[in-house]
Amino acid sequence: MANDAINDFSVALSNLVDTAGKLVQGQVDVLGAGAKAVVSVVEPVVKSALDLAGNAVNSAGQLLQDATGTAGQLLQSATGTAGQLLQSATNTAGEVFQNVTGTAGQLVQNVTAVIIPVKK
């Protein structure tokens, strides 16, 4: 009878350890499934956030490139316009100087002709 009690205790202990092992294994399986579920939910959100960030960076780069190009065109246009204005002003000043010089020369000739009459 003593052996029966020891055998019953041994079987009960073995069943208890088996049940505890199964409970722990079940909890590990539940945690693993939960982790997989969290990853499967978070993964698309993170991917979308990264795609959105990448698109924002690309858009900012394109905007900067467009702004730089436009600024370059404006500077080139302003430089060309300034050059044309300077050339036009220089030409006008040259013409005015030529006209003044010519008029002054004619005045000197006329005054000289009046003051010093030509003898015939």
PDB file of N, CA and C in Angstrom:
ATOM      1  N   MET A   1       0.788  -1.170   0.000  1.00  0.00           N
ATOM      2  CA  MET A   1       0.000   0.000   0.000  1.00  0.00           C
ATOM      3  C   MET A   1       0.854   1.268   0.000  1.00  0.00           C
ATOM      4  N   ALA A   2       1.948   1.199   0.642  1.00  0.00           N
ATOM      5  CA  ALA A   2       2.857   2.338   0.668  1.00  0.00           C
ATOM      6  C   ALA A   2       3.356   2.623  -0.729  1.00  0.00           C
ATOM      7  N   ASN A   3       3.567   1.507  -1.465  1.00  0.00           N
ATOM      8  CA  ASN A   3       4.023   1.694  -2.842  1.00  0.00           C
ATOM      9  C   ASN A   3       2.934   2.343  -3.694  1.00  0.00           C
ATOM     10  N   ASP A   4       1.667   1.998  -3.423  1.00  0.00           N
ATOM     11  CA  ASP A   4       0.562   2.589  -4.181  1.00  0.00           C
ATOM     12  C   ASP A   4       0.470   4.090  -3.915  1.00  0.00           C
ATOM     13  N   ALA A   5       0.687   4.504  -2.695  1.00  0.00           N
ATOM     14  CA  ALA A   5       0.622   5.934  -2.349  1.00  0.00           C
ATOM     15  C   ALA A   5       1.762   6.685  -3.044  1.00  0.00           C
ATOM     16  N   ILE A   6       2.940   6.065  -3.048  1.00  0.00           N
ATOM     17  CA  ILE A   6       4.092   6.706  -3.698  1.00  0.00           C
ATOM     18  C   ILE A   6       3.848   6.776  -5.191  1.00  0.00           C
ATOM     19  N   ASN A   7       3.312   5.703  -5.776  1.00  0.00           N
ATOM     20  CA  ASN A   7       3.023   5.706  -7.215  1.00  0.00           C
ATOM     21  C   ASN A   7       1.957   6.748  -7.551  1.00  0.00           C
ATOM     22  N   ASP A   8       0.896   6.824  -6.706  1.00  0.00           N
ATOM     23  CA  ASP A   8      -0.152   7.822  -6.938  1.00  0.00           C
ATOM     24  C   ASP A   8       0.402   9.238  -6.830  1.00  0.00           C
ATOM     25  N   PHE A   9       1.261   9.460  -5.832  1.00  0.00           N
ATOM     26  CA  PHE A   9       1.891  10.780  -5.667  1.00  0.00           C
ATOM     27  C   PHE A   9       2.777  11.094  -6.864  1.00  0.00           C
ATOM     28  N   SER A  10       3.519  10.107  -7.330  1.00  0.00           N
ATOM     29  CA  SER A  10       4.419  10.272  -8.455  1.00  0.00           C
ATOM     30  C   SER A  10       3.631  10.591  -9.723  1.00  0.00           C
ATOM     31  N   VAL A  11       2.528   9.907  -9.935  1.00  0.00           N
ATOM     32  CA  VAL A  11       1.679  10.145 -11.108  1.00  0.00           C
ATOM     33  C   VAL A  11       1.050  11.534 -11.004  1.00  0.00           C
ATOM     34  N   ALA A  12       0.584  11.877  -9.819  1.00  0.00           N
ATOM     35  CA  ALA A  12      -0.039  13.191  -9.626  1.00  0.00           C
ATOM     36  C   ALA A  12       0.986  14.303  -9.864  1.00  0.00           C
ATOM     37  N   LEU A  13       2.199  14.110  -9.354  1.00  0.00           N
ATOM     38  CA  LEU A  13       3.268  15.103  -9.548  1.00  0.00           C
ATOM     39  C   LEU A  13       3.633  15.214 -11.021  1.00  0.00           C
ATOM     40  N   SER A  14       3.710  14.083 -11.672  1.00  0.00           N
ATOM     41  CA  SER A  14       4.025  14.074 -13.102  1.00  0.00           C
ATOM     42  C   SER A  14       2.925  14.792 -13.884  1.00  0.00           C
ATOM     43  N   ASN A  15       1.672  14.538 -13.544  1.00  0.00           N
ATOM     44  CA  ASN A  15       0.554  15.217 -14.205  1.00  0.00           C
ATOM     45  C   ASN A  15       0.580  16.714 -13.931  1.00  0.00           C
ATOM     46  N   LEU A  16       0.941  17.089 -12.711  1.00  0.00           N
ATOM     47  CA  LEU A  16       1.026  18.504 -12.346  1.00  0.00           C
ATOM     48  C   LEU A  16       2.126  19.203 -13.143  1.00  0.00           C
ATOM     49  N   VAL A  17       3.277  18.549 -13.250  1.00  0.00           N
ATOM     50  CA  VAL A  17       4.401  19.125 -14.011  1.00  0.00           C
ATOM     51  C   VAL A  17       4.026  19.216 -15.483  1.00  0.00           C
ATOM     52  N   ASP A  18       3.351  18.170 -16.023  1.00  0.00           N
ATOM     53  CA  ASP A  18       2.908  18.202 -17.417  1.00  0.00           C
ATOM     54  C   ASP A  18       1.936  19.355 -17.656  1.00  0.00           C
ATOM     55  N   THR A  19       0.979  19.510 -16.749  1.00  0.00           N
ATOM     56  CA  THR A  19      -0.018  20.579 -16.877  1.00  0.00           C
ATOM     57  C   THR A  19       0.649  21.944 -16.795  1.00  0.00           C
ATOM     58  N   ALA A  20       1.589  22.114 -15.879  1.00  0.00           N
ATOM     59  CA  ALA A  20       2.318  23.384 -15.747  1.00  0.00           C
ATOM     60  C   ALA A  20       3.111  23.662 -17.020  1.00  0.00           C
ATOM     61  N   GLY A  21       3.747  22.627 -17.561  1.00  0.00           N
ATOM     62  CA  GLY A  21       4.507  22.786 -18.808  1.00  0.00           C
ATOM     63  C   GLY A  21       3.615  23.202 -19.958  1.00  0.00           C
ATOM     64  N   LYS A  22       2.431  22.555 -20.031  1.00  0.00           N
ATOM     65  CA  LYS A  22       1.487  22.897 -21.091  1.00  0.00           C
ATOM     66  C   LYS A  22       0.966  24.322 -20.926  1.00  0.00           C
ATOM     67  N   LEU A  23       0.731  24.731 -19.674  1.00  0.00           N
ATOM     68  CA  LEU A  23       0.292  26.111 -19.428  1.00  0.00           C
ATOM     69  C   LEU A  23       1.362  27.113 -19.847  1.00  0.00           C
ATOM     70  N   VAL A  24       2.599  26.840 -19.482  1.00  0.00           N
ATOM     71  CA  VAL A  24       3.705  27.736 -19.851  1.00  0.00           C
ATOM     72  C   VAL A  24       3.851  27.765 -21.368  1.00  0.00           C
ATOM     73  N   GLN A  25       3.800  26.576 -22.013  1.00  0.00           N
ATOM     74  CA  GLN A  25       3.914  26.515 -23.469  1.00  0.00           C
ATOM     75  C   GLN A  25       2.773  27.289 -24.126  1.00  0.00           C
ATOM     76  N   GLY A  26       1.566  27.174 -23.585  1.00  0.00           N
ATOM     77  CA  GLY A  26       0.410  27.911 -24.114  1.00  0.00           C
ATOM     78  C   GLY A  26       0.606  29.410 -24.000  1.00  0.00           C
ATOM     79  N   GLN A  27       1.161  29.849 -22.846  1.00  0.00           N
ATOM     80  CA  GLN A  27       1.410  31.283 -22.671  1.00  0.00           C
ATOM     81  C   GLN A  27       2.487  31.769 -23.646  1.00  0.00           C
ATOM     82  N   VAL A  28       3.519  30.955 -23.849  1.00  0.00           N
ATOM     83  CA  VAL A  28       4.576  31.315 -24.811  1.00  0.00           C
ATOM     84  C   VAL A  28       3.978  31.407 -26.210  1.00  0.00           C
ATOM     85  N   ASP A  29       3.118  30.444 -26.571  1.00  0.00           N
ATOM     86  CA  ASP A  29       2.471  30.476 -27.885  1.00  0.00           C
ATOM     87  C   ASP A  29       1.591  31.715 -28.044  1.00  0.00           C
ATOM     88  N   VAL A  30       0.833  32.059 -26.985  1.00  0.00           N
ATOM     89  CA  VAL A  30      -0.020  33.247 -27.027  1.00  0.00           C
ATOM     90  C   VAL A  30       0.829  34.507 -27.169  1.00  0.00           C
ATOM     91  N   LEU A  31       1.928  34.596 -26.414  1.00  0.00           N
ATOM     92  CA  LEU A  31       2.819  35.767 -26.517  1.00  0.00           C
ATOM     93  C   LEU A  31       3.433  35.859 -27.913  1.00  0.00           C
ATOM     94  N   GLY A  32       3.852  34.703 -28.450  1.00  0.00           N
ATOM     95  CA  GLY A  32       4.427  34.698 -29.804  1.00  0.00           C
ATOM     96  C   GLY A  32       3.415  35.147 -30.836  1.00  0.00           C
ATOM     97  N   ALA A  33       2.190  34.625 -30.728  1.00  0.00           N
ATOM     98  CA  ALA A  33       1.135  35.032 -31.664  1.00  0.00           C
ATOM     99  C   ALA A  33       0.816  36.517 -31.501  1.00  0.00           C
ATOM    100  N   GLY A  34       0.802  36.989 -30.259  1.00  0.00           N
ATOM    101  CA  GLY A  34       0.561  38.419 -30.011  1.00  0.00           C
ATOM    102  C   GLY A  34       1.656  39.279 -30.611  1.00  0.00           C
ATOM    103  N   ALA A  35       2.901  38.826 -30.453  1.00  0.00           N
ATOM    104  CA  ALA A  35       4.024  39.584 -31.023  1.00  0.00           C
ATOM    105  C   ALA A  35       3.918  39.622 -32.542  1.00  0.00           C
ATOM    106  N   LYS A  36       3.564  38.478 -33.149  1.00  0.00           N
ATOM    107  CA  LYS A  36       3.407  38.440 -34.603  1.00  0.00           C
ATOM    108  C   LYS A  36       2.277  39.357 -35.043  1.00  0.00           C
ATOM    109  N   ALA A  37       1.196  39.373 -34.273  1.00  0.00           N
ATOM    110  CA  ALA A  37       0.062  40.238 -34.611  1.00  0.00           C
ATOM    111  C   ALA A  37       0.454  41.709 -34.525  1.00  0.00           C
ATOM    112  N   VAL A  38       1.191  42.063 -33.482  1.00  0.00           N
ATOM    113  CA  VAL A  38       1.641  43.456 -33.327  1.00  0.00           C
ATOM    114  C   VAL A  38       2.552  43.840 -34.484  1.00  0.00           C
ATOM    115  N   VAL A  39       3.482  42.954 -34.829  1.00  0.00           N
ATOM    116  CA  VAL A  39       4.403  43.235 -35.940  1.00  0.00           C
ATOM    117  C   VAL A  39       3.624  43.380 -37.242  1.00  0.00           C
ATOM    118  N   SER A  40       2.638  42.492 -37.463  1.00  0.00           N
ATOM    119  CA  SER A  40       1.879  42.569 -38.712  1.00  0.00           C
ATOM    120  C   SER A  40       1.036  43.842 -38.786  1.00  0.00           C
ATOM    121  N   VAL A  41       0.661  44.415 -37.647  1.00  0.00           N
ATOM    122  CA  VAL A  41      -0.091  45.680 -37.644  1.00  0.00           C
ATOM    123  C   VAL A  41       0.861  46.866 -37.760  1.00  0.00           C
ATOM    124  N   VAL A  42       1.979  46.818 -37.067  1.00  0.00           N
ATOM    125  CA  VAL A  42       2.909  47.945 -37.027  1.00  0.00           C
ATOM    126  C   VAL A  42       3.713  48.052 -38.323  1.00  0.00           C
ATOM    127  N   GLU A  43       4.035  46.920 -38.922  1.00  0.00           N
ATOM    128  CA  GLU A  43       4.891  46.922 -40.109  1.00  0.00           C
ATOM    129  C   GLU A  43       4.337  47.789 -41.239  1.00  0.00           C
ATOM    130  N   PRO A  44       3.058  47.655 -41.634  1.00  0.00           N
ATOM    131  CA  PRO A  44       2.546  48.520 -42.703  1.00  0.00           C
ATOM    132  C   PRO A  44       2.533  49.998 -42.317  1.00  0.00           C
ATOM    133  N   VAL A  45       2.259  50.282 -41.062  1.00  0.00           N
ATOM    134  CA  VAL A  45       2.235  51.679 -40.607  1.00  0.00           C
ATOM    135  C   VAL A  45       3.632  52.289 -40.712  1.00  0.00           C
ATOM    136  N   VAL A  46       4.640  51.536 -40.266  1.00  0.00           N
ATOM    137  CA  VAL A  46       6.018  52.028 -40.337  1.00  0.00           C
ATOM    138  C   VAL A  46       6.442  52.189 -41.799  1.00  0.00           C
ATOM    139  N   LYS A  47       6.078  51.213 -42.642  1.00  0.00           N
ATOM    140  CA  LYS A  47       6.424  51.304 -44.064  1.00  0.00           C
ATOM    141  C   LYS A  47       5.773  52.534 -44.688  1.00  0.00           C
ATOM    142  N   SER A  48       4.505  52.767 -44.375  1.00  0.00           N
ATOM    143  CA  SER A  48       3.816  53.944 -44.916  1.00  0.00           C
ATOM    144  C   SER A  48       4.456  55.235 -44.424  1.00  0.00           C
ATOM    145  N   ALA A  49       4.832  55.264 -43.149  1.00  0.00           N
ATOM    146  CA  ALA A  49       5.478  56.466 -42.595  1.00  0.00           C
ATOM    147  C   ALA A  49       6.817  56.709 -43.280  1.00  0.00           C
ATOM    148  N   LEU A  50       7.584  55.644 -43.516  1.00  0.00           N
ATOM    149  CA  LEU A  50       8.872  55.795 -44.197  1.00  0.00           C
ATOM    150  C   LEU A  50       8.679  56.238 -45.644  1.00  0.00           C
ATOM    151  N   ASP A  51       7.681  55.670 -46.327  1.00  0.00           N
ATOM    152  CA  ASP A  51       7.391  56.099 -47.693  1.00  0.00           C
ATOM    153  C   ASP A  51       6.990  57.567 -47.728  1.00  0.00           C
ATOM    154  N   LEU A  52       6.158  57.964 -46.779  1.00  0.00           N
ATOM    155  CA  LEU A  52       5.720  59.361 -46.707  1.00  0.00           C
ATOM    156  C   LEU A  52       6.907  60.290 -46.457  1.00  0.00           C
ATOM    157  N   ALA A  53       7.780  59.893 -45.541  1.00  0.00           N
ATOM    158  CA  ALA A  53       8.968  60.708 -45.261  1.00  0.00           C
ATOM    159  C   ALA A  53       9.859  60.795 -46.499  1.00  0.00           C
ATOM    160  N   GLY A  54      10.029  59.673 -47.193  1.00  0.00           N
ATOM    161  CA  GLY A  54      10.831  59.686 -48.426  1.00  0.00           C
ATOM    162  C   GLY A  54      10.238  60.595 -49.478  1.00  0.00           C
ATOM    163  N   ASN A  55       8.912  60.535 -49.641  1.00  0.00           N
ATOM    164  CA  ASN A  55       8.246  61.410 -50.605  1.00  0.00           C
ATOM    165  C   ASN A  55       8.401  62.879 -50.221  1.00  0.00           C
ATOM    166  N   ALA A  56       8.308  63.169 -48.929  1.00  0.00           N
ATOM    167  CA  ALA A  56       8.471  64.556 -48.469  1.00  0.00           C
ATOM    168  C   ALA A  56       9.881  65.063 -48.767  1.00  0.00           C
ATOM    169  N   VAL A  57      10.881  64.214 -48.529  1.00  0.00           N
ATOM    170  CA  VAL A  57      12.268  64.612 -48.806  1.00  0.00           C
ATOM    171  C   VAL A  57      12.462  64.833 -50.308  1.00  0.00           C
ATOM    172  N   ASN A  58      11.911  63.926 -51.126  1.00  0.00           N
ATOM    173  CA  ASN A  58      12.029  64.091 -52.578  1.00  0.00           C
ATOM    174  C   ASN A  58      11.343  65.367 -53.052  1.00  0.00           C
ATOM    175  N   SER A  59      10.159  65.655 -52.501  1.00  0.00           N
ATOM    176  CA  SER A  59       9.440  66.869 -52.878  1.00  0.00           C
ATOM    177  C   SER A  59      10.228  68.119 -52.476  1.00  0.00           C
ATOM    178  N   ALA A  60      10.794  68.084 -51.284  1.00  0.00           N
ATOM    179  CA  ALA A  60      11.592  69.237 -50.834  1.00  0.00           C
ATOM    180  C   ALA A  60      12.809  69.423 -51.730  1.00  0.00           C
ATOM    181  N   GLY A  61      13.441  68.328 -52.111  1.00  0.00           N
ATOM    182  CA  GLY A  61      14.593  68.421 -53.014  1.00  0.00           C
ATOM    183  C   GLY A  61      14.208  68.979 -54.363  1.00  0.00           C
ATOM    184  N   GLN A  62      13.075  68.529 -54.897  1.00  0.00           N
ATOM    185  CA  GLN A  62      12.596  69.037 -56.188  1.00  0.00           C
ATOM    186  C   GLN A  62      12.265  70.514 -56.096  1.00  0.00           C
ATOM    187  N   LEU A  63      11.626  70.912 -54.993  1.00  0.00           N
ATOM    188  CA  LEU A  63      11.285  72.322 -54.789  1.00  0.00           C
ATOM    189  C   LEU A  63      12.537  73.180 -54.724  1.00  0.00           C
ATOM    190  N   LEU A  64      13.544  72.703 -53.998  1.00  0.00           N
ATOM    191  CA  LEU A  64      14.807  73.435 -53.897  1.00  0.00           C
ATOM    192  C   LEU A  64      15.479  73.543 -55.259  1.00  0.00           C
ATOM    193  N   GLN A  65      15.453  72.442 -56.019  1.00  0.00           N
ATOM    194  CA  GLN A  65      16.065  72.454 -57.342  1.00  0.00           C
ATOM    195  C   GLN A  65      15.335  73.439 -58.254  1.00  0.00           C
ATOM    196  N   ASP A  66      13.994  73.444 -58.209  1.00  0.00           N
ATOM    197  CA  ASP A  66      13.218  74.374 -59.019  1.00  0.00           C
ATOM    198  C   ASP A  66      13.502  75.823 -58.618  1.00  0.00           C
ATOM    199  N   ALA A  67      13.561  76.071 -57.315  1.00  0.00           N
ATOM    200  CA  ALA A  67      13.820  77.434 -56.836  1.00  0.00           C
ATOM    201  C   ALA A  67      15.210  77.897 -57.255  1.00  0.00           C
ATOM    202  N   THR A  68      16.183  76.997 -57.177  1.00  0.00           N
ATOM    203  CA  THR A  68      17.554  77.347 -57.577  1.00  0.00           C
ATOM    204  C   THR A  68      17.606  77.658 -59.067  1.00  0.00           C
ATOM    205  N   GLY A  69      16.922  76.833 -59.868  1.00  0.00           N
ATOM    206  CA  GLY A  69      16.886  77.068 -61.314  1.00  0.00           C
ATOM    207  C   GLY A  69      16.236  78.392 -61.646  1.00  0.00           C
ATOM    208  N   THR A  70      15.119  78.691 -60.993  1.00  0.00           N
ATOM    209  CA  THR A  70      14.417  79.945 -61.238  1.00  0.00           C
ATOM    210  C   THR A  70      15.273  81.136 -60.819  1.00  0.00           C
ATOM    211  N   ALA A  71      15.938  81.028 -59.680  1.00  0.00           N
ATOM    212  CA  ALA A  71      16.814  82.116 -59.222  1.00  0.00           C
ATOM    213  C   ALA A  71      17.952  82.325 -60.216  1.00  0.00           C
ATOM    214  N   GLY A  72      18.496  81.223 -60.731  1.00  0.00           N
ATOM    215  CA  GLY A  72      19.571  81.330 -61.722  1.00  0.00           C
ATOM    216  C   GLY A  72      19.097  82.021 -62.990  1.00  0.00           C
ATOM    217  N   GLN A  73      17.889  81.663 -63.445  1.00  0.00           N
ATOM    218  CA  GLN A  73      17.337  82.297 -64.647  1.00  0.00           C
ATOM    219  C   GLN A  73      17.089  83.786 -64.411  1.00  0.00           C
ATOM    220  N   LEU A  74      16.566  84.115 -63.231  1.00  0.00           N
ATOM    221  CA  LEU A  74      16.323  85.532 -62.912  1.00  0.00           C
ATOM    222  C   LEU A  74      17.633  86.317 -62.886  1.00  0.00           C
ATOM    223  N   LEU A  75      18.657  85.730 -62.266  1.00  0.00           N
ATOM    224  CA  LEU A  75      19.953  86.404 -62.201  1.00  0.00           C
ATOM    225  C   LEU A  75      20.536  86.594 -63.594  1.00  0.00           C
ATOM    226  N   GLN A  76      20.426  85.557 -64.424  1.00  0.00           N
ATOM    227  CA  GLN A  76      20.947  85.646 -65.789  1.00  0.00           C
ATOM    228  C   GLN A  76      20.197  86.727 -66.573  1.00  0.00           C
ATOM    229  N   SER A  77      18.875  86.756 -66.425  1.00  0.00           N
ATOM    230  CA  SER A  77      18.067  87.748 -67.116  1.00  0.00           C
ATOM    231  C   SER A  77      18.395  89.164 -66.637  1.00  0.00           C
ATOM    232  N   ALA A  78      18.545  89.330 -65.317  1.00  0.00           N
ATOM    233  CA  ALA A  78      18.875  90.649 -64.767  1.00  0.00           C
ATOM    234  C   ALA A  78      20.255  91.097 -65.232  1.00  0.00           C
ATOM    235  N   THR A  79      21.201  90.170 -65.276  1.00  0.00           N
ATOM    236  CA  THR A  79      22.554  90.513 -65.722  1.00  0.00           C
ATOM    237  C   THR A  79      22.534  90.937 -67.178  1.00  0.00           C
ATOM    238  N   GLY A  80      21.773  90.181 -68.006  1.00  0.00           N
ATOM    239  CA  GLY A  80      21.662  90.539 -69.426  1.00  0.00           C
ATOM    240  C   GLY A  80      21.018  91.906 -69.607  1.00  0.00           C
ATOM    241  N   THR A  81      19.956  92.165 -68.869  1.00  0.00           N
ATOM    242  CA  THR A  81      19.258  93.450 -68.963  1.00  0.00           C
ATOM    243  C   THR A  81      20.167  94.588 -68.516  1.00  0.00           C
ATOM    244  N   ALA A  82      20.899  94.374 -67.431  1.00  0.00           N
ATOM    245  CA  ALA A  82      21.820  95.409 -66.952  1.00  0.00           C
ATOM    246  C   ALA A  82      22.910  95.682 -67.991  1.00  0.00           C
ATOM    247  N   GLY A  83      23.404  94.628 -68.612  1.00  0.00           N
ATOM    248  CA  GLY A  83      24.428  94.799 -69.653  1.00  0.00           C
ATOM    249  C   GLY A  83      23.888  95.592 -70.837  1.00  0.00           C
ATOM    250  N   GLN A  84      22.640  95.283 -71.244  1.00  0.00           N
ATOM    251  CA  GLN A  84      22.042  96.012 -72.358  1.00  0.00           C
ATOM    252  C   GLN A  84      21.830  97.487 -72.000  1.00  0.00           C
ATOM    253  N   LEU A  85      21.372  97.721 -70.769  1.00  0.00           N
ATOM    254  CA  LEU A  85      21.173  99.113 -70.331  1.00  0.00           C
ATOM    255  C   LEU A  85      22.486  99.883 -70.321  1.00  0.00           C
ATOM    256  N   LEU A  86      23.540  99.254 -69.832  1.00  0.00           N
ATOM    257  CA  LEU A  86      24.849  99.907 -69.784  1.00  0.00           C
ATOM    258  C   LEU A  86      25.349 100.204 -71.193  1.00  0.00           C
ATOM    259  N   GLN A  87      25.183  99.248 -72.091  1.00  0.00           N
ATOM    260  CA  GLN A  87      25.620  99.443 -73.477  1.00  0.00           C
ATOM    261  C   GLN A  87      24.828 100.584 -74.126  1.00  0.00           C
ATOM    262  N   SER A  88      23.512 100.594 -73.884  1.00  0.00           N
ATOM    263  CA  SER A  88      22.665 101.644 -74.450  1.00  0.00           C
ATOM    264  C   SER A  88      23.047 103.016 -73.898  1.00  0.00           C
ATOM    265  N   ALA A  89      23.276 103.080 -72.580  1.00  0.00           N
ATOM    266  CA  ALA A  89      23.666 104.356 -71.964  1.00  0.00           C
ATOM    267  C   ALA A  89      25.018 104.814 -72.498  1.00  0.00           C
ATOM    268  N   THR A  90      25.943 103.866 -72.671  1.00  0.00           N
ATOM    269  CA  THR A  90      27.268 104.226 -73.205  1.00  0.00           C
ATOM    270  C   THR A  90      27.137 104.757 -74.630  1.00  0.00           C
ATOM    271  N   ASN A  91      26.345 104.083 -75.448  1.00  0.00           N
ATOM    272  CA  ASN A  91      26.149 104.538 -76.831  1.00  0.00           C
ATOM    273  C   ASN A  91      25.512 105.923 -76.860  1.00  0.00           C
ATOM    274  N   THR A  92      24.489 106.128 -76.012  1.00  0.00           N
ATOM    275  CA  THR A  92      23.813 107.422 -75.964  1.00  0.00           C
ATOM    276  C   THR A  92      24.786 108.512 -75.510  1.00  0.00           C
ATOM    277  N   ALA A  93      25.564 108.210 -74.481  1.00  0.00           N
ATOM    278  CA  ALA A  93      26.542 109.197 -74.003  1.00  0.00           C
ATOM    279  C   ALA A  93      27.563 109.510 -75.092  1.00  0.00           C
ATOM    280  N   GLY A  94      27.976 108.491 -75.833  1.00  0.00           N
ATOM    281  CA  GLY A  94      28.927 108.720 -76.935  1.00  0.00           C
ATOM    282  C   GLY A  94      28.337 109.603 -78.017  1.00  0.00           C
ATOM    283  N   GLU A  95      27.074 109.359 -78.350  1.00  0.00           N
ATOM    284  CA  GLU A  95      26.415 110.173 -79.377  1.00  0.00           C
ATOM    285  C   GLU A  95      26.276 111.617 -78.902  1.00  0.00           C
ATOM    286  N   VAL A  96      25.883 111.795 -77.643  1.00  0.00           N
ATOM    287  CA  VAL A  96      25.747 113.156 -77.084  1.00  0.00           C
ATOM    288  C   VAL A  96      27.099 113.861 -77.119  1.00  0.00           C
ATOM    289  N   PHE A  97      28.164 113.148 -76.726  1.00  0.00           N
ATOM    290  CA  PHE A  97      29.502 113.741 -76.725  1.00  0.00           C
ATOM    291  C   PHE A  97      29.909 114.115 -78.145  1.00  0.00           C
ATOM    292  N   GLN A  98      29.595 113.242 -79.109  1.00  0.00           N
ATOM    293  CA  GLN A  98      29.916 113.539 -80.501  1.00  0.00           C
ATOM    294  C   GLN A  98      29.159 114.779 -80.975  1.00  0.00           C
ATOM    295  N   ASN A  99      27.879 114.844 -80.636  1.00  0.00           N
ATOM    296  CA  ASN A  99      27.069 115.996 -81.043  1.00  0.00           C
ATOM    297  C   ASN A  99      27.587 117.285 -80.409  1.00  0.00           C
ATOM    298  N   VAL A 100      27.915 117.224 -79.112  1.00  0.00           N
ATOM    299  CA  VAL A 100      28.434 118.422 -78.429  1.00  0.00           C
ATOM    300  C   VAL A 100      29.764 118.825 -79.033  1.00  0.00           C
ATOM    301  N   THR A 101      30.611 117.861 -79.277  1.00  0.00           N
ATOM    302  CA  THR A 101      31.928 118.160 -79.847  1.00  0.00           C
ATOM    303  C   THR A 101      31.775 118.756 -81.245  1.00  0.00           C
ATOM    304  N   GLY A 102      30.874 118.153 -82.022  1.00  0.00           N
ATOM    305  CA  GLY A 102      30.643 118.681 -83.381  1.00  0.00           C
ATOM    306  C   GLY A 102      30.079 120.092 -83.338  1.00  0.00           C
ATOM    307  N   THR A 103      29.092 120.314 -82.457  1.00  0.00           N
ATOM    308  CA  THR A 103      28.484 121.637 -82.332  1.00  0.00           C
ATOM    309  C   THR A 103      29.515 122.648 -81.840  1.00  0.00           C
ATOM    310  N   ALA A 104      30.341 122.249 -80.871  1.00  0.00           N
ATOM    311  CA  ALA A 104      31.383 123.152 -80.367  1.00  0.00           C
ATOM    312  C   ALA A 104      32.376 123.477 -81.476  1.00  0.00           C
ATOM    313  N   GLY A 105      32.710 122.491 -82.258  1.00  0.00           N
ATOM    314  CA  GLY A 105      33.637 122.728 -83.382  1.00  0.00           C
ATOM    315  C   GLY A 105      33.051 123.699 -84.391  1.00  0.00           C
ATOM    316  N   GLN A 106      31.775 123.556 -84.699  1.00  0.00           N
ATOM    317  CA  GLN A 106      31.117 124.467 -85.641  1.00  0.00           C
ATOM    318  C   GLN A 106      31.065 125.878 -85.065  1.00  0.00           C
ATOM    319  N   LEU A 107      30.783 125.970 -83.740  1.00  0.00           N
ATOM    320  CA  LEU A 107      30.747 127.284 -83.103  1.00  0.00           C
ATOM    321  C   LEU A 107      32.118 127.955 -83.184  1.00  0.00           C
ATOM    322  N   VAL A 108      33.159 127.185 -82.913  1.00  0.00           N
ATOM    323  CA  VAL A 108      34.517 127.749 -82.983  1.00  0.00           C
ATOM    324  C   VAL A 108      34.803 128.217 -84.408  1.00  0.00           C
ATOM    325  N   GLN A 109      34.410 127.433 -85.402  1.00  0.00           N
ATOM    326  CA  GLN A 109      34.628 127.823 -86.804  1.00  0.00           C
ATOM    327  C   GLN A 109      33.846 129.095 -87.132  1.00  0.00           C
ATOM    328  N   ASN A 110      32.586 129.145 -86.675  1.00  0.00           N
ATOM    329  CA  ASN A 110      31.752 130.315 -86.970  1.00  0.00           C
ATOM    330  C   ASN A 110      32.317 131.564 -86.298  1.00  0.00           C
ATOM    331  N   VAL A 111      32.723 131.442 -85.022  1.00  0.00           N
ATOM    332  CA  VAL A 111      33.291 132.592 -84.314  1.00  0.00           C
ATOM    333  C   VAL A 111      34.584 133.018 -84.983  1.00  0.00           C
ATOM    334  N   THR A 112      35.392 132.073 -85.356  1.00  0.00           N
ATOM    335  CA  THR A 112      36.666 132.395 -86.009  1.00  0.00           C
ATOM    336  C   THR A 112      36.400 133.098 -87.335  1.00  0.00           C
ATOM    337  N   ALA A 113      35.399 132.648 -88.053  1.00  0.00           N
ATOM    338  CA  ALA A 113      35.079 133.257 -89.360  1.00  0.00           C
ATOM    339  C   ALA A 113      34.572 134.690 -89.174  1.00  0.00           C
ATOM    340  N   VAL A 114      33.846 134.940 -88.099  1.00  0.00           N
ATOM    341  CA  VAL A 114      33.341 136.292 -87.852  1.00  0.00           C
ATOM    342  C   VAL A 114      34.479 137.194 -87.365  1.00  0.00           C
ATOM    343  N   ILE A 115      35.294 136.689 -86.469  1.00  0.00           N
ATOM    344  CA  ILE A 115      36.365 137.516 -85.912  1.00  0.00           C
ATOM    345  C   ILE A 115      37.485 137.724 -86.920  1.00  0.00           C
ATOM    346  N   ILE A 116      37.835 136.716 -87.601  1.00  0.00           N
ATOM    347  CA  ILE A 116      38.929 136.830 -88.559  1.00  0.00           C
ATOM    348  C   ILE A 116      38.317 136.616 -89.963  1.00  0.00           C
ATOM    349  N   PRO A 117      37.959 137.691 -90.589  1.00  0.00           N
ATOM    350  CA  PRO A 117      37.361 137.517 -91.911  1.00  0.00           C
ATOM    351  C   PRO A 117      38.399 136.992 -92.915  1.00  0.00           C
ATOM    352  N   VAL A 118      37.920 136.228 -93.801  1.00  0.00           N
ATOM    353  CA  VAL A 118      38.797 135.651 -94.815  1.00  0.00           C
ATOM    354  C   VAL A 118      39.014 136.716 -95.902  1.00  0.00           C
ATOM    355  N   LYS A 119      40.278 136.929 -96.257  1.00  0.00           N
ATOM    356  CA  LYS A 119      40.597 137.935 -97.282  1.00  0.00           C
ATOM    357  C   LYS A 119      40.497 137.317 -98.646  1.00  0.00           C
ATOM    358  N   LYS A 120      39.923 138.089 -99.558  1.00  0.00           N
ATOM    359  CA  LYS A 120      39.752 137.599-100.920  1.00  0.00           C
ATOM    360  C   LYS A 120      40.638 138.301-101.855  1.00  0.00           C
TER     361      LYS A 120
END
